[in-house]
Amino acid sequence: MKQLILVRHAKSDWPEETEDFDRPLANKGLEDAALMSRYMKNNNISIDYLLSSPAVRALNTCEIFNQTYQLTIGTDQNLYNPKERNFESAIYTLDDSLNSVALFSHNNGISNFANSISEDIYHFPTCGVAGFQIECDSWSQFEGARKKLLFFYEPGKIKI
């Protein structure tokens, strides 16, 4: 049994003359990422590995989660401006010793991918988090495995 956690990057800023890839988090994004990571840890949601888009706003969100979880962080270019198959490509590279992995990415790709797994999610807000149970022993079995939504958290609805 595996657990896949999808995290949309937190609220970002877009300073003048900044490329999309280099956009930083806004103050609200910094606060939301800290809130969400603490909420998940306080609710005993385990994560073994963090894999992020290399874009600044996604990687910064991931790094804030890592202040709570203290794990290894990896990056995967497939998670920047992703299509559904890009997520699967990232998943297939995961080591089978990892049972719970969080992927940090962007919309619209993350919403589309989540909805391909479960029709219970329509739109990921910034710093939204969805967790799925994947009934498989190997990440290579992801496509054919049964998938079940375990949780969907939005920072605007969370209180610690």
N, C-alpha and C. Protein backbone atom coordinates (compact mmCIF):
# COMPACT_ATOMS: atom_id res chain seq x y z
N MET A 1 0.84 -1.18 0.00
CA MET A 1 0.00 0.00 0.00
C MET A 1 0.89 1.25 0.00
N LYS A 2 0.58 2.18 -0.87
CA LYS A 2 1.32 3.43 -0.97
C LYS A 2 0.38 4.60 -0.70
N GLN A 3 0.96 5.74 -0.36
CA GLN A 3 0.19 6.96 -0.18
C GLN A 3 0.84 8.06 -1.02
N LEU A 4 0.03 8.69 -1.86
CA LEU A 4 0.48 9.79 -2.69
C LEU A 4 -0.19 11.07 -2.20
N ILE A 5 0.62 12.08 -1.92
CA ILE A 5 0.10 13.37 -1.44
C ILE A 5 0.45 14.41 -2.49
N LEU A 6 -0.56 15.12 -2.96
CA LEU A 6 -0.37 16.18 -3.94
C LEU A 6 -0.50 17.52 -3.24
N VAL A 7 0.46 18.41 -3.46
CA VAL A 7 0.45 19.73 -2.84
C VAL A 7 0.62 20.78 -3.93
N ARG A 8 -0.37 21.66 -4.05
CA ARG A 8 -0.19 22.79 -4.96
C ARG A 8 0.65 23.83 -4.23
N HIS A 9 1.56 24.46 -4.94
CA HIS A 9 2.41 25.48 -4.31
C HIS A 9 1.55 26.54 -3.63
N ALA A 10 2.10 27.16 -2.61
CA ALA A 10 1.40 28.20 -1.85
C ALA A 10 1.29 29.48 -2.69
N LYS A 11 0.52 30.42 -2.19
CA LYS A 11 0.26 31.69 -2.88
C LYS A 11 1.58 32.36 -3.24
N SER A 12 1.70 32.71 -4.52
CA SER A 12 2.95 33.32 -4.99
C SER A 12 2.75 34.79 -5.32
N ASP A 13 3.87 35.44 -5.47
CA ASP A 13 3.92 36.83 -5.87
C ASP A 13 4.44 36.86 -7.31
N TRP A 14 4.31 38.00 -7.97
CA TRP A 14 4.87 38.10 -9.32
C TRP A 14 5.46 39.50 -9.48
N PRO A 15 6.65 39.69 -8.87
CA PRO A 15 7.30 41.00 -8.99
C PRO A 15 7.59 41.33 -10.45
N GLU A 16 7.65 42.61 -10.76
CA GLU A 16 7.97 43.04 -12.12
C GLU A 16 9.28 42.41 -12.58
N GLU A 17 9.31 42.10 -13.88
CA GLU A 17 10.50 41.56 -14.53
C GLU A 17 10.97 40.23 -13.93
N THR A 18 10.02 39.48 -13.39
CA THR A 18 10.34 38.15 -12.86
C THR A 18 9.73 37.10 -13.79
N GLU A 19 10.54 36.17 -14.22
CA GLU A 19 10.05 35.07 -15.06
C GLU A 19 9.14 34.16 -14.23
N ASP A 20 8.23 33.46 -14.89
CA ASP A 20 7.30 32.57 -14.20
C ASP A 20 8.03 31.59 -13.30
N PHE A 21 9.09 30.99 -13.80
CA PHE A 21 9.84 29.98 -13.05
C PHE A 21 10.40 30.53 -11.74
N ASP A 22 10.73 31.82 -11.72
CA ASP A 22 11.42 32.43 -10.58
C ASP A 22 10.50 33.14 -9.60
N ARG A 23 9.19 33.00 -9.77
CA ARG A 23 8.26 33.69 -8.88
C ARG A 23 8.40 33.21 -7.44
N PRO A 24 8.52 34.14 -6.48
CA PRO A 24 8.64 33.78 -5.06
C PRO A 24 7.26 33.60 -4.43
N LEU A 25 7.26 33.11 -3.21
CA LEU A 25 6.01 33.04 -2.44
C LEU A 25 5.67 34.42 -1.89
N ALA A 26 4.38 34.70 -1.83
CA ALA A 26 3.89 35.90 -1.16
C ALA A 26 3.90 35.63 0.34
N ASN A 27 3.76 36.67 1.14
CA ASN A 27 3.71 36.49 2.60
C ASN A 27 2.61 35.52 3.00
N LYS A 28 1.44 35.63 2.37
CA LYS A 28 0.34 34.70 2.66
C LYS A 28 0.74 33.27 2.33
N GLY A 29 1.48 33.09 1.25
CA GLY A 29 1.94 31.76 0.88
C GLY A 29 2.89 31.17 1.91
N LEU A 30 3.78 32.00 2.43
CA LEU A 30 4.70 31.54 3.48
C LEU A 30 3.91 31.08 4.71
N GLU A 31 2.91 31.86 5.08
CA GLU A 31 2.08 31.52 6.25
C GLU A 31 1.27 30.26 6.00
N ASP A 32 0.64 30.15 4.82
CA ASP A 32 -0.19 28.99 4.51
C ASP A 32 0.63 27.70 4.46
N ALA A 33 1.82 27.75 3.89
CA ALA A 33 2.66 26.55 3.81
C ALA A 33 3.05 26.08 5.21
N ALA A 34 3.40 27.01 6.09
CA ALA A 34 3.73 26.64 7.47
C ALA A 34 2.51 26.06 8.18
N LEU A 35 1.36 26.67 7.99
CA LEU A 35 0.11 26.19 8.59
C LEU A 35 -0.22 24.77 8.13
N MET A 36 -0.17 24.56 6.81
CA MET A 36 -0.55 23.26 6.27
C MET A 36 0.41 22.16 6.70
N SER A 37 1.70 22.45 6.70
CA SER A 37 2.66 21.42 7.10
C SER A 37 2.48 21.05 8.57
N ARG A 38 2.26 22.03 9.43
CA ARG A 38 2.03 21.75 10.86
C ARG A 38 0.73 20.97 11.05
N TYR A 39 -0.31 21.36 10.32
CA TYR A 39 -1.60 20.68 10.43
C TYR A 39 -1.46 19.20 10.05
N MET A 40 -0.78 18.94 8.96
CA MET A 40 -0.60 17.55 8.53
C MET A 40 0.22 16.76 9.55
N LYS A 41 1.30 17.32 10.03
CA LYS A 41 2.14 16.64 11.01
C LYS A 41 1.35 16.39 12.31
N ASN A 42 0.59 17.39 12.75
CA ASN A 42 -0.22 17.25 13.97
C ASN A 42 -1.31 16.20 13.82
N ASN A 43 -1.72 15.92 12.57
CA ASN A 43 -2.74 14.90 12.31
C ASN A 43 -2.12 13.58 11.87
N ASN A 44 -0.85 13.40 12.20
CA ASN A 44 -0.13 12.14 11.99
C ASN A 44 -0.12 11.67 10.54
N ILE A 45 -0.03 12.61 9.61
CA ILE A 45 0.11 12.24 8.21
C ILE A 45 1.60 12.08 7.93
N SER A 46 1.98 10.85 7.69
CA SER A 46 3.40 10.57 7.49
C SER A 46 3.78 10.80 6.03
N ILE A 47 5.00 11.25 5.86
CA ILE A 47 5.59 11.44 4.54
C ILE A 47 7.02 10.91 4.62
N ASP A 48 7.41 10.14 3.61
CA ASP A 48 8.77 9.60 3.57
C ASP A 48 9.70 10.41 2.68
N TYR A 49 9.13 11.14 1.72
CA TYR A 49 9.95 11.82 0.72
C TYR A 49 9.16 12.97 0.12
N LEU A 50 9.86 14.06 -0.20
CA LEU A 50 9.26 15.24 -0.82
C LEU A 50 9.87 15.42 -2.20
N LEU A 51 9.01 15.51 -3.23
CA LEU A 51 9.47 15.69 -4.60
C LEU A 51 8.77 16.91 -5.18
N SER A 52 9.55 17.87 -5.65
CA SER A 52 9.01 19.16 -6.05
C SER A 52 9.37 19.54 -7.48
N SER A 53 8.49 20.33 -8.06
CA SER A 53 8.86 21.09 -9.25
C SER A 53 10.05 21.96 -8.86
N PRO A 54 10.99 22.19 -9.77
CA PRO A 54 12.12 23.05 -9.42
C PRO A 54 11.80 24.54 -9.44
N ALA A 55 10.60 24.92 -9.86
CA ALA A 55 10.21 26.33 -9.87
C ALA A 55 10.25 26.88 -8.45
N VAL A 56 10.67 28.13 -8.30
CA VAL A 56 10.93 28.71 -6.98
C VAL A 56 9.73 28.60 -6.05
N ARG A 57 8.53 28.93 -6.50
CA ARG A 57 7.36 28.93 -5.61
C ARG A 57 7.00 27.52 -5.12
N ALA A 58 7.16 26.52 -5.97
CA ALA A 58 6.88 25.14 -5.56
C ALA A 58 7.98 24.63 -4.62
N LEU A 59 9.22 24.89 -5.00
CA LEU A 59 10.34 24.42 -4.17
C LEU A 59 10.35 25.10 -2.81
N ASN A 60 10.01 26.39 -2.75
CA ASN A 60 9.91 27.09 -1.45
C ASN A 60 8.80 26.50 -0.60
N THR A 61 7.67 26.15 -1.20
CA THR A 61 6.58 25.51 -0.46
C THR A 61 7.07 24.18 0.11
N CYS A 62 7.76 23.42 -0.71
CA CYS A 62 8.33 22.14 -0.29
C CYS A 62 9.32 22.32 0.86
N GLU A 63 10.16 23.32 0.76
CA GLU A 63 11.16 23.57 1.81
C GLU A 63 10.50 23.96 3.13
N ILE A 64 9.39 24.67 3.07
CA ILE A 64 8.66 25.01 4.30
C ILE A 64 8.06 23.75 4.91
N PHE A 65 7.51 22.87 4.09
CA PHE A 65 7.01 21.60 4.61
C PHE A 65 8.16 20.82 5.24
N ASN A 66 9.33 20.91 4.65
CA ASN A 66 10.46 20.17 5.16
C ASN A 66 10.96 20.71 6.50
N GLN A 67 10.69 21.96 6.81
CA GLN A 67 11.03 22.48 8.14
C GLN A 67 10.25 21.72 9.21
N THR A 68 9.06 21.23 8.85
CA THR A 68 8.23 20.45 9.77
C THR A 68 8.62 18.97 9.73
N TYR A 69 8.86 18.42 8.54
CA TYR A 69 9.06 16.98 8.37
C TYR A 69 10.51 16.52 8.41
N GLN A 70 11.47 17.38 8.07
CA GLN A 70 12.89 17.03 8.10
C GLN A 70 13.20 15.78 7.27
N LEU A 71 12.96 15.87 5.96
CA LEU A 71 13.16 14.76 5.04
C LEU A 71 14.12 15.13 3.93
N THR A 72 14.33 14.20 3.04
CA THR A 72 15.09 14.46 1.82
C THR A 72 14.14 15.09 0.79
N ILE A 73 14.66 16.10 0.08
CA ILE A 73 13.89 16.76 -0.98
C ILE A 73 14.53 16.44 -2.32
N GLY A 74 13.70 16.10 -3.29
CA GLY A 74 14.15 15.94 -4.66
C GLY A 74 13.38 16.89 -5.56
N THR A 75 13.91 17.13 -6.75
CA THR A 75 13.18 17.93 -7.73
C THR A 75 13.03 17.13 -9.02
N ASP A 76 11.97 17.44 -9.74
CA ASP A 76 11.70 16.78 -11.01
C ASP A 76 11.09 17.80 -11.97
N GLN A 77 11.76 18.05 -13.05
CA GLN A 77 11.30 19.02 -14.06
C GLN A 77 9.91 18.67 -14.57
N ASN A 78 9.53 17.38 -14.55
CA ASN A 78 8.21 16.96 -15.01
C ASN A 78 7.08 17.60 -14.22
N LEU A 79 7.37 18.09 -13.01
CA LEU A 79 6.32 18.67 -12.17
C LEU A 79 6.13 20.17 -12.40
N TYR A 80 6.90 20.76 -13.31
CA TYR A 80 6.73 22.17 -13.68
C TYR A 80 5.87 22.24 -14.95
N ASN A 81 4.78 22.99 -14.89
CA ASN A 81 3.80 23.07 -15.99
C ASN A 81 3.39 21.67 -16.46
N PRO A 82 2.94 20.84 -15.54
CA PRO A 82 2.75 19.43 -15.85
C PRO A 82 1.43 19.09 -16.54
N LYS A 83 1.49 18.05 -17.32
CA LYS A 83 0.32 17.36 -17.85
C LYS A 83 0.16 16.10 -17.00
N GLU A 84 -0.99 15.42 -17.15
CA GLU A 84 -1.25 14.23 -16.34
C GLU A 84 -0.13 13.20 -16.44
N ARG A 85 0.37 12.94 -17.63
CA ARG A 85 1.43 11.95 -17.82
C ARG A 85 2.74 12.36 -17.15
N ASN A 86 2.95 13.68 -16.98
CA ASN A 86 4.16 14.14 -16.29
C ASN A 86 4.18 13.67 -14.84
N PHE A 87 3.01 13.70 -14.18
CA PHE A 87 2.93 13.22 -12.80
C PHE A 87 3.26 11.74 -12.76
N GLU A 88 2.69 10.98 -13.70
CA GLU A 88 2.96 9.55 -13.73
C GLU A 88 4.44 9.28 -13.97
N SER A 89 5.08 10.06 -14.84
CA SER A 89 6.52 9.89 -15.07
C SER A 89 7.31 10.10 -13.78
N ALA A 90 6.93 11.11 -13.01
CA ALA A 90 7.60 11.36 -11.73
C ALA A 90 7.34 10.22 -10.75
N ILE A 91 6.12 9.73 -10.71
CA ILE A 91 5.76 8.64 -9.80
C ILE A 91 6.54 7.37 -10.13
N TYR A 92 6.69 7.07 -11.41
CA TYR A 92 7.39 5.84 -11.81
C TYR A 92 8.87 5.86 -11.46
N THR A 93 9.44 7.02 -11.17
CA THR A 93 10.85 7.09 -10.78
C THR A 93 11.05 6.87 -9.28
N LEU A 94 9.96 6.80 -8.51
CA LEU A 94 10.07 6.70 -7.06
C LEU A 94 10.58 5.32 -6.63
N ASP A 95 11.39 5.31 -5.61
CA ASP A 95 11.91 4.07 -5.04
C ASP A 95 10.79 3.37 -4.28
N ASP A 96 10.68 2.07 -4.44
CA ASP A 96 9.61 1.31 -3.80
C ASP A 96 9.73 1.24 -2.29
N SER A 97 10.88 1.62 -1.73
CA SER A 97 11.01 1.65 -0.28
C SER A 97 10.23 2.83 0.32
N LEU A 98 9.85 3.78 -0.52
CA LEU A 98 9.08 4.95 -0.07
C LEU A 98 7.59 4.60 -0.09
N ASN A 99 6.95 4.71 1.06
CA ASN A 99 5.52 4.37 1.13
C ASN A 99 4.60 5.58 1.05
N SER A 100 5.10 6.75 1.41
CA SER A 100 4.28 7.96 1.38
C SER A 100 5.12 9.10 0.80
N VAL A 101 4.69 9.60 -0.35
CA VAL A 101 5.44 10.63 -1.07
C VAL A 101 4.55 11.84 -1.33
N ALA A 102 5.10 13.03 -1.12
CA ALA A 102 4.40 14.28 -1.43
C ALA A 102 5.01 14.90 -2.67
N LEU A 103 4.16 15.22 -3.65
CA LEU A 103 4.58 15.90 -4.87
C LEU A 103 4.10 17.35 -4.82
N PHE A 104 5.00 18.29 -5.07
CA PHE A 104 4.69 19.72 -5.04
C PHE A 104 4.70 20.23 -6.48
N SER A 105 3.54 20.79 -6.90
CA SER A 105 3.42 21.16 -8.31
C SER A 105 2.49 22.36 -8.49
N HIS A 106 1.97 22.51 -9.69
CA HIS A 106 1.26 23.71 -10.13
C HIS A 106 -0.10 23.36 -10.74
N ASN A 107 -0.96 24.38 -10.78
CA ASN A 107 -2.22 24.26 -11.51
C ASN A 107 -1.97 24.69 -12.94
N ASN A 108 -2.69 24.23 -13.85
CA ASN A 108 -3.89 23.42 -13.84
C ASN A 108 -3.58 21.93 -13.76
N GLY A 109 -2.32 21.61 -13.96
CA GLY A 109 -1.92 20.21 -14.01
C GLY A 109 -2.27 19.43 -12.77
N ILE A 110 -2.04 20.01 -11.58
CA ILE A 110 -2.29 19.25 -10.35
C ILE A 110 -3.78 18.99 -10.15
N SER A 111 -4.62 19.97 -10.49
CA SER A 111 -6.08 19.76 -10.40
C SER A 111 -6.52 18.68 -11.38
N ASN A 112 -6.02 18.76 -12.60
CA ASN A 112 -6.40 17.76 -13.61
C ASN A 112 -5.95 16.36 -13.21
N PHE A 113 -4.74 16.25 -12.70
CA PHE A 113 -4.24 14.94 -12.28
C PHE A 113 -5.05 14.40 -11.10
N ALA A 114 -5.30 15.25 -10.11
CA ALA A 114 -6.10 14.81 -8.95
C ALA A 114 -7.48 14.34 -9.39
N ASN A 115 -8.09 15.06 -10.32
CA ASN A 115 -9.42 14.68 -10.79
C ASN A 115 -9.40 13.43 -11.66
N SER A 116 -8.25 13.08 -12.21
CA SER A 116 -8.14 11.82 -12.95
C SER A 116 -8.08 10.63 -11.99
N ILE A 117 -7.70 10.92 -10.73
CA ILE A 117 -7.65 9.88 -9.70
C ILE A 117 -8.97 9.81 -8.95
N SER A 118 -9.53 10.96 -8.62
CA SER A 118 -10.77 11.04 -7.83
C SER A 118 -11.60 12.21 -8.33
N GLU A 119 -12.85 11.97 -8.56
CA GLU A 119 -13.74 13.03 -9.04
C GLU A 119 -14.24 13.91 -7.90
N ASP A 120 -13.70 13.73 -6.70
CA ASP A 120 -14.14 14.50 -5.54
C ASP A 120 -13.42 15.85 -5.40
N ILE A 121 -12.43 16.10 -6.27
CA ILE A 121 -11.68 17.35 -6.21
C ILE A 121 -11.91 18.08 -7.52
N TYR A 122 -12.28 19.33 -7.43
CA TYR A 122 -12.52 20.08 -8.66
C TYR A 122 -11.39 21.06 -8.94
N HIS A 123 -10.96 21.75 -7.93
CA HIS A 123 -9.95 22.78 -8.12
C HIS A 123 -9.08 22.85 -6.86
N PHE A 124 -7.79 22.79 -7.05
CA PHE A 124 -6.85 22.94 -5.95
C PHE A 124 -6.65 24.42 -5.68
N PRO A 125 -6.92 24.89 -4.47
CA PRO A 125 -6.52 26.26 -4.13
C PRO A 125 -5.01 26.26 -3.88
N THR A 126 -4.41 27.43 -3.83
CA THR A 126 -2.99 27.47 -3.51
C THR A 126 -2.78 26.83 -2.14
N CYS A 127 -1.76 26.02 -2.04
CA CYS A 127 -1.38 25.25 -0.85
C CYS A 127 -2.44 24.21 -0.45
N GLY A 128 -3.32 23.86 -1.38
CA GLY A 128 -4.23 22.76 -1.15
C GLY A 128 -3.45 21.45 -1.13
N VAL A 129 -3.93 20.48 -0.35
CA VAL A 129 -3.25 19.20 -0.19
C VAL A 129 -4.27 18.07 -0.30
N ALA A 130 -3.98 17.11 -1.16
CA ALA A 130 -4.84 15.92 -1.30
C ALA A 130 -4.00 14.68 -1.06
N GLY A 131 -4.54 13.75 -0.31
CA GLY A 131 -3.86 12.49 -0.05
C GLY A 131 -4.65 11.33 -0.61
N PHE A 132 -3.97 10.42 -1.26
CA PHE A 132 -4.60 9.26 -1.89
C PHE A 132 -3.94 7.97 -1.42
N GLN A 133 -4.76 6.98 -1.16
CA GLN A 133 -4.26 5.62 -0.91
C GLN A 133 -4.16 4.95 -2.27
N ILE A 134 -3.00 4.37 -2.54
CA ILE A 134 -2.76 3.67 -3.80
C ILE A 134 -2.53 2.20 -3.46
N GLU A 135 -3.42 1.34 -3.92
CA GLU A 135 -3.33 -0.08 -3.58
C GLU A 135 -2.33 -0.77 -4.50
N CYS A 136 -1.06 -0.65 -4.13
CA CYS A 136 0.01 -1.31 -4.86
C CYS A 136 1.21 -1.46 -3.94
N ASP A 137 2.12 -2.34 -4.33
CA ASP A 137 3.35 -2.54 -3.58
C ASP A 137 4.52 -1.84 -4.23
N SER A 138 4.37 -1.51 -5.51
CA SER A 138 5.41 -0.85 -6.28
C SER A 138 4.83 0.35 -7.00
N TRP A 139 5.59 1.45 -7.02
CA TRP A 139 5.12 2.65 -7.73
C TRP A 139 4.93 2.36 -9.21
N SER A 140 5.60 1.34 -9.73
CA SER A 140 5.46 0.99 -11.15
C SER A 140 4.06 0.45 -11.45
N GLN A 141 3.30 0.09 -10.42
CA GLN A 141 1.93 -0.42 -10.59
C GLN A 141 0.89 0.69 -10.48
N PHE A 142 1.33 1.93 -10.42
CA PHE A 142 0.43 3.06 -10.16
C PHE A 142 -0.76 3.11 -11.11
N GLU A 143 -0.51 3.04 -12.40
CA GLU A 143 -1.58 3.26 -13.38
C GLU A 143 -2.75 2.29 -13.17
N GLY A 144 -2.48 1.02 -12.96
CA GLY A 144 -3.55 0.05 -12.82
C GLY A 144 -4.07 -0.14 -11.41
N ALA A 145 -3.48 0.54 -10.44
CA ALA A 145 -3.85 0.35 -9.03
C ALA A 145 -5.15 1.07 -8.68
N ARG A 146 -5.87 0.51 -7.72
CA ARG A 146 -7.05 1.17 -7.18
C ARG A 146 -6.58 2.36 -6.34
N LYS A 147 -7.28 3.48 -6.49
CA LYS A 147 -6.90 4.71 -5.80
C LYS A 147 -8.10 5.25 -5.03
N LYS A 148 -7.82 5.74 -3.82
CA LYS A 148 -8.91 6.24 -2.97
C LYS A 148 -8.48 7.56 -2.33
N LEU A 149 -9.34 8.57 -2.42
CA LEU A 149 -9.06 9.85 -1.76
C LEU A 149 -9.18 9.66 -0.26
N LEU A 150 -8.12 10.03 0.47
CA LEU A 150 -8.12 9.94 1.93
C LEU A 150 -8.45 11.28 2.58
N PHE A 151 -7.94 12.38 2.00
CA PHE A 151 -8.19 13.70 2.56
C PHE A 151 -7.95 14.77 1.51
N PHE A 152 -8.58 15.91 1.73
CA PHE A 152 -8.35 17.10 0.91
C PHE A 152 -8.45 18.30 1.83
N TYR A 153 -7.32 19.00 2.00
CA TYR A 153 -7.25 20.12 2.92
C TYR A 153 -6.99 21.41 2.16
N GLU A 154 -7.67 22.47 2.59
CA GLU A 154 -7.48 23.81 2.03
C GLU A 154 -7.07 24.73 3.16
N PRO A 155 -6.06 25.58 2.95
CA PRO A 155 -5.59 26.42 4.05
C PRO A 155 -6.65 27.34 4.62
N GLY A 156 -7.59 27.80 3.82
CA GLY A 156 -8.64 28.69 4.32
C GLY A 156 -9.63 28.01 5.26
N LYS A 157 -9.59 26.67 5.31
CA LYS A 157 -10.52 25.91 6.15
C LYS A 157 -9.84 25.20 7.30
N ILE A 158 -8.55 25.48 7.49
CA ILE A 158 -7.75 24.81 8.52
C ILE A 158 -7.54 25.74 9.71
N LYS A 159 -7.67 25.16 10.89
CA LYS A 159 -7.35 25.88 12.13
C LYS A 159 -6.46 24.97 12.97
N ILE A 160 -5.42 25.56 13.55
CA ILE A 160 -4.55 24.76 14.45
C ILE A 160 -4.77 25.25 15.87
